[in-house]
Amino acid sequence: MIIEVDRAVCEGHGLCEQTSPEIFEVDEEGYSRVLVGEITPDLRAAAESGARACPVAALFLLRS
């Protein structure tokens, strides 16, 4: 599983980073950035929580 960020939608609220800092961070341009390439089973719950926290639905979990 991987996560994609739609930078055209992301507004940099940072709720993903607050919820799941092991998966997300807000970069120097103010956009969410994914810190891991592949979401392993042990990170899946954190990835889903971070994606759900996004108020503008800019994060997408995709099967790889």
Protein backbone atom coordinates (compact mmCIF):
# COMPACT_ATOMS: atom_id res chain seq x y z
CA MET A 1 0.00 0.00 0.00
CA ILE A 2 1.20 3.53 -0.75
CA ILE A 3 -0.09 7.02 0.02
CA GLU A 4 -0.35 9.84 -2.48
CA VAL A 5 -0.80 13.53 -1.69
CA ASP A 6 -2.81 15.66 -4.09
CA ARG A 7 -0.80 18.88 -3.81
CA ALA A 8 -3.44 20.75 -5.79
CA VAL A 9 -5.88 20.02 -2.95
CA CYS A 10 -3.56 20.08 0.10
CA GLU A 11 -3.88 23.28 2.14
CA GLY A 12 -1.15 22.47 4.67
CA HIS A 13 -3.35 22.19 7.75
CA GLY A 14 -0.90 19.66 9.20
CA LEU A 15 -3.52 17.44 10.81
CA CYS A 16 -2.02 14.41 9.07
CA GLU A 17 1.36 15.17 10.66
CA GLN A 18 -0.21 15.78 14.07
CA THR A 19 -2.12 12.50 13.84
CA SER A 20 0.61 10.32 12.30
CA PRO A 21 4.05 11.97 12.47
CA GLU A 22 5.73 8.66 11.61
CA ILE A 23 4.03 8.81 8.18
CA PHE A 24 3.52 12.51 7.32
CA GLU A 25 5.20 15.89 7.64
CA VAL A 26 4.44 19.34 6.28
CA ASP A 27 7.30 20.41 4.03
CA GLU A 28 8.94 23.84 3.69
CA GLU A 29 6.39 24.81 1.03
CA GLY A 30 3.49 24.04 3.38
CA TYR A 31 2.32 20.81 1.76
CA SER A 32 1.96 17.35 3.25
CA ARG A 33 4.76 14.95 2.43
CA VAL A 34 4.82 11.19 2.93
CA LEU A 35 7.89 10.00 4.84
CA VAL A 36 7.70 6.31 3.88
CA GLY A 37 7.63 4.63 0.49
CA GLU A 38 5.55 1.58 1.27
CA ILE A 39 2.95 1.33 4.02
CA THR A 40 3.74 -1.87 5.89
CA PRO A 41 1.04 -3.69 7.86
CA ASP A 42 2.31 -2.22 11.13
CA LEU A 43 1.92 1.34 9.75
CA ARG A 44 -1.44 0.84 8.09
CA ALA A 45 -3.59 2.08 11.00
CA ALA A 46 -1.46 5.22 11.36
CA ALA A 47 -1.61 5.90 7.62
CA GLU A 48 -5.39 5.53 7.58
CA SER A 49 -5.78 7.78 10.63
CA GLY A 50 -3.60 10.47 9.09
CA ALA A 51 -5.49 10.33 5.79
CA ARG A 52 -8.85 10.55 7.57
CA ALA A 53 -7.64 13.59 9.53
CA CYS A 54 -7.16 15.63 6.34
CA PRO A 55 -10.00 18.19 6.22
CA VAL A 56 -9.74 18.57 2.44
CA ALA A 57 -9.28 14.87 1.53
CA ALA A 58 -5.91 15.40 -0.13
CA LEU A 59 -4.47 12.02 0.93
CA PHE A 60 -5.16 8.76 -0.89
CA LEU A 61 -4.28 5.24 0.20
CA LEU A 62 -3.62 3.06 -2.84
CA ARG A 63 -2.83 -0.62 -3.19
CA SER A 64 0.59 -1.06 -4.73
